[in-house]
Amino acid sequence: MTDNVLDFKQGANLLLQQFPETELLAGQNRSYGIEAMVSKKKGDWTGWLTYTFARSLNKIDDPVYSDRRINNGDWFRANYDRPHTFNLFANLNYNKFHNFSFTFTLSTGRPFSRPTGIFAFQNQNYPIYPERNNDRLPTYHRLDFSWNILTTLKENKRWKNYWTFSIYNIYGRGNPYSIFFNNNKGALNSFTLEIFSSPIPSLTYNGRF
């Protein structure tokens, strides 16, 4: 259990705020989890698989003032609460000159606050957020690939040359980073921000002696 965890109060407004600390509330955090791993260390194919279960929950409750509570003072998902994470790494030593590796990652999407409607006030429409972090982004997953090439032909040569060709996000998964909401003529619309939603190749050279 951790005390004095900070979060923004409901309806916090930081725009042109002279004292932003007045928009913060302090509470508690409770985190727990477990991790398991299996690995293969011999043979042409090597690698490992890990699974992590982890929870991170916040509680911000004021016994007197209701406007200084979040989600009615109940435990709610912290911004970095991602219960399930899988990581798989596989490596193939094809021969003494060529090496291939694959890395796959899959994890629960991070929490975010989804509005459920709009209310009008002084000719302005505002989104209604019933709870903090009441929804999650889609599941995150990505596959990376790399090919290492040893170009030194003489085995006893001290200087070794390596070329590495790699592809980040090989199948172009568009993993949402954040979701934004706006009001369009009384309708609540959303749009998603994605980062690196297409494969990114790279080529590097390394020398070692």
Protein backbone atom coordinates (compact mmCIF):
# COMPACT_ATOMS: atom_id res chain seq x y z
CA MET A 1 0.00 0.00 0.00
CA THR A 2 1.30 3.43 -0.99
CA ASP A 3 0.00 6.69 0.45
CA ASN A 4 -0.09 10.22 -0.99
CA VAL A 5 -0.74 9.10 -4.56
CA LEU A 6 -1.80 12.12 -6.63
CA ASP A 7 -4.54 12.35 -9.23
CA PHE A 8 -6.58 15.13 -10.79
CA LYS A 9 -9.90 15.91 -9.18
CA GLN A 10 -13.16 15.53 -11.09
CA GLY A 11 -13.51 18.29 -13.67
CA ALA A 12 -9.97 19.58 -13.16
CA ASN A 13 -9.13 22.61 -15.30
CA LEU A 14 -5.43 23.26 -15.88
CA LEU A 15 -5.84 25.87 -18.61
CA LEU A 16 -4.28 29.15 -17.42
CA GLN A 17 -4.37 27.77 -13.87
CA GLN A 18 -2.13 29.85 -11.62
CA PHE A 19 -2.12 27.24 -8.85
CA PRO A 20 -2.34 23.79 -10.52
CA GLU A 21 -1.77 22.06 -7.19
CA THR A 22 -5.33 23.01 -6.24
CA GLU A 23 -6.55 20.63 -8.96
CA LEU A 24 -4.86 17.61 -7.36
CA LEU A 25 -6.11 15.11 -4.79
CA ALA A 26 -4.07 12.69 -2.67
CA GLY A 27 -5.02 9.10 -1.94
CA GLN A 28 -3.78 5.52 -1.76
CA ASN A 29 -2.48 2.99 -4.27
CA ARG A 30 -2.68 -0.79 -3.95
CA SER A 31 -0.56 -2.92 -6.30
CA TYR A 32 -0.04 -6.67 -6.49
CA GLY A 33 0.82 -9.32 -9.06
CA ILE A 34 2.68 -12.45 -10.06
CA GLU A 35 5.04 -13.40 -12.89
CA ALA A 36 5.88 -16.76 -14.49
CA MET A 37 8.52 -17.67 -17.07
CA VAL A 38 9.54 -20.70 -19.14
CA SER A 39 12.65 -20.79 -21.32
CA LYS A 40 14.57 -22.98 -23.76
CA LYS A 41 18.34 -22.51 -23.74
CA LYS A 42 19.66 -25.35 -25.91
CA GLY A 43 19.41 -26.19 -29.60
CA ASP A 44 19.09 -24.10 -32.75
CA TRP A 45 15.82 -22.66 -31.45
CA THR A 46 16.02 -20.86 -28.11
CA GLY A 47 13.77 -18.38 -26.36
CA TRP A 48 11.44 -17.68 -23.48
CA LEU A 49 7.82 -16.95 -22.65
CA THR A 50 6.69 -14.78 -19.74
CA TYR A 51 3.28 -14.03 -18.31
CA THR A 52 2.62 -11.24 -15.82
CA PHE A 53 -0.56 -10.64 -13.86
CA ALA A 54 -0.47 -7.23 -12.18
CA ARG A 55 -3.07 -4.90 -10.75
CA SER A 56 -2.73 -1.28 -9.68
CA LEU A 57 -5.71 0.39 -8.02
CA ASN A 58 -6.17 3.85 -6.54
CA LYS A 59 -8.49 5.09 -3.84
CA ILE A 60 -9.10 8.79 -3.26
CA ASP A 61 -11.63 9.40 -0.54
CA ASP A 62 -12.34 12.36 1.70
CA PRO A 63 -14.51 11.58 4.75
CA VAL A 64 -16.02 15.08 4.74
CA TYR A 65 -16.05 16.67 1.28
CA SER A 66 -17.67 14.65 -1.51
CA ASP A 67 -16.08 16.83 -4.23
CA ARG A 68 -12.68 15.58 -3.06
CA ARG A 69 -13.50 11.97 -3.85
CA ILE A 70 -13.04 10.00 -7.06
CA ASN A 71 -15.56 7.28 -7.98
CA ASN A 72 -17.39 7.82 -4.68
CA GLY A 73 -14.27 6.96 -2.72
CA ASP A 74 -14.12 3.39 -4.09
CA TRP A 75 -11.05 1.65 -5.50
CA PHE A 76 -10.58 2.33 -9.23
CA ARG A 77 -8.07 1.41 -11.92
CA ALA A 78 -4.84 3.41 -11.91
CA ASN A 79 -3.76 4.86 -15.25
CA TYR A 80 -1.08 2.17 -15.65
CA ASP A 81 -3.26 -0.79 -14.57
CA ARG A 82 -2.74 -3.50 -17.22
CA PRO A 83 -3.62 -6.88 -15.66
CA HIS A 84 -2.32 -9.29 -18.31
CA THR A 85 0.97 -9.16 -20.21
CA PHE A 86 2.51 -11.89 -22.41
CA ASN A 87 6.01 -11.66 -23.90
CA LEU A 88 7.42 -14.26 -26.28
CA PHE A 89 10.98 -14.27 -27.63
CA ALA A 90 12.22 -16.85 -30.15
CA ASN A 91 15.74 -17.03 -31.58
CA LEU A 92 16.98 -19.23 -34.45
CA ASN A 93 20.70 -19.77 -34.97
CA TYR A 94 20.42 -20.80 -38.62
CA ASN A 95 24.17 -21.14 -39.04
CA LYS A 96 27.30 -19.34 -37.84
CA PHE A 97 26.60 -16.36 -40.11
CA HIS A 98 22.82 -15.91 -39.84
CA ASN A 99 20.62 -15.44 -36.80
CA PHE A 100 16.88 -14.70 -36.75
CA SER A 101 14.79 -13.53 -33.80
CA PHE A 102 11.14 -12.72 -33.18
CA THR A 103 9.59 -10.82 -30.27
CA PHE A 104 5.84 -10.83 -29.65
CA THR A 105 4.10 -8.71 -27.02
CA LEU A 106 0.45 -8.83 -25.94
CA SER A 107 -1.07 -6.91 -23.05
CA THR A 108 -4.32 -5.54 -21.71
CA GLY A 109 -5.10 -2.03 -22.91
CA ARG A 110 -4.61 0.76 -20.41
CA PRO A 111 -7.64 2.37 -18.70
CA PHE A 112 -9.29 5.58 -19.84
CA SER A 113 -12.40 7.56 -18.92
CA ARG A 114 -15.24 7.21 -21.42
CA PRO A 115 -18.05 9.80 -21.29
CA THR A 116 -21.61 8.52 -21.47
CA GLY A 117 -23.38 11.66 -22.61
CA ILE A 118 -23.44 15.45 -22.93
CA PHE A 119 -25.01 18.17 -20.81
CA ALA A 120 -25.62 21.78 -21.83
CA PHE A 121 -24.63 24.75 -19.67
CA GLN A 122 -24.67 28.40 -20.74
CA ASN A 123 -24.88 27.52 -24.44
CA GLN A 124 -21.96 25.11 -24.15
CA ASN A 125 -22.00 21.33 -24.29
CA TYR A 126 -19.84 19.31 -21.91
CA PRO A 127 -19.18 15.55 -21.76
CA ILE A 128 -20.49 13.56 -18.79
CA TYR A 129 -17.91 11.30 -17.13
CA PRO A 130 -19.71 9.00 -14.66
CA GLU A 131 -16.53 7.30 -13.38
CA ARG A 132 -12.76 7.61 -13.62
CA ASN A 133 -11.07 5.00 -15.86
CA ASN A 134 -14.33 3.17 -16.53
CA ASP A 135 -13.15 1.63 -19.83
CA ARG A 136 -10.02 0.27 -21.51
CA LEU A 137 -8.20 0.77 -24.78
CA PRO A 138 -8.15 -2.26 -27.11
CA THR A 139 -5.65 -5.03 -26.40
CA TYR A 140 -2.08 -4.09 -27.30
CA HIS A 141 -0.08 -6.52 -29.42
CA ARG A 142 2.97 -6.27 -31.68
CA LEU A 143 5.45 -8.54 -33.47
CA ASP A 144 9.06 -7.49 -34.13
CA PHE A 145 11.65 -9.25 -36.29
CA SER A 146 15.42 -9.02 -36.64
CA TRP A 147 18.01 -10.72 -38.86
CA ASN A 148 21.65 -10.60 -37.77
CA ILE A 149 24.33 -11.26 -40.40
CA LEU A 150 27.97 -11.90 -39.55
CA THR A 151 30.03 -10.77 -42.54
CA THR A 152 33.45 -11.76 -41.19
CA LEU A 153 34.45 -14.88 -43.10
CA LYS A 154 37.55 -15.82 -41.13
CA GLU A 155 36.63 -17.37 -37.80
CA ASN A 156 39.87 -16.34 -36.12
CA LYS A 157 39.66 -12.73 -37.26
CA ARG A 158 39.53 -10.42 -34.22
CA TRP A 159 37.39 -7.77 -35.88
CA LYS A 160 33.84 -8.99 -36.53
CA ASN A 161 31.30 -7.17 -38.69
CA TYR A 162 27.57 -7.47 -38.05
CA TRP A 163 24.64 -6.22 -40.08
CA THR A 164 21.21 -6.20 -38.49
CA PHE A 165 18.02 -5.86 -40.48
CA SER A 166 14.95 -5.40 -38.29
CA ILE A 167 11.25 -4.63 -38.65
CA TYR A 168 9.30 -3.05 -35.79
CA ASN A 169 5.58 -3.90 -35.76
CA ILE A 170 5.90 -6.30 -38.66
CA TYR A 171 2.16 -6.68 -39.38
CA GLY A 172 1.36 -3.00 -38.87
CA ARG A 173 -0.86 -3.23 -35.82
CA GLY A 174 -2.46 0.14 -35.06
CA ASN A 175 -2.29 0.15 -31.26
CA PRO A 176 -4.32 3.03 -29.82
CA TYR A 177 -2.32 5.32 -27.56
CA SER A 178 -5.22 7.49 -26.47
CA ILE A 179 -8.85 8.26 -27.27
CA PHE A 180 -10.24 11.79 -27.45
CA PHE A 181 -13.86 12.92 -27.43
CA ASN A 182 -15.46 16.03 -28.85
CA ASN A 183 -18.91 17.45 -29.31
CA ASN A 184 -20.22 17.71 -32.86
CA LYS A 185 -23.63 19.38 -33.00
CA GLY A 186 -24.78 17.67 -29.84
CA ALA A 187 -23.33 14.27 -30.73
CA LEU A 188 -20.40 12.77 -28.85
CA ASN A 189 -17.69 11.70 -31.30
CA SER A 190 -14.42 9.96 -30.58
CA PHE A 191 -11.14 9.71 -32.42
CA THR A 192 -8.15 7.52 -31.66
CA LEU A 193 -4.48 8.46 -31.60
CA GLU A 194 -2.25 5.64 -32.84
CA ILE A 195 1.55 5.64 -32.79
CA PHE A 196 3.71 3.56 -35.18
CA SER A 197 0.70 1.97 -36.89
CA SER A 198 2.79 0.72 -39.84
CA PRO A 199 5.90 -1.50 -40.06
CA ILE A 200 9.18 0.34 -39.46
CA PRO A 201 12.26 -1.27 -41.06
CA SER A 202 15.82 -0.42 -40.07
CA LEU A 203 19.35 -1.45 -41.01
CA THR A 204 22.30 -1.10 -38.64
CA TYR A 205 25.99 -1.96 -38.73
CA ASN A 206 28.05 -3.10 -35.75
CA GLY A 207 31.74 -3.80 -35.38
CA ARG A 208 33.24 -5.76 -32.51
CA PHE A 209 36.78 -6.78 -31.62
